[in-house]
């Protein structure tokens, strides 16, 4: 079972549930509907990181669902 939520903008997986903003890009849109992940350790030397547009080390979702969960206050 997957843990955490993925940022809809940069795909970084955040495992803390009390986070309101992505520490990587500052976006506040997250989803729990993601599949697969890649761990990037050295983005400067990673071909996969370059193809995915990743510039910071971390855990990133490979697929994010297009379905968007609406958030009500």
Foldseek 3Di string as FASTA:
>chain_A
DDAAKADPPLQAGDRDPPDQADPVPRDRFIGPAFDDKDFADQLVPDPVCVVSVHDDTHIGTPGHDPDGDDDDD
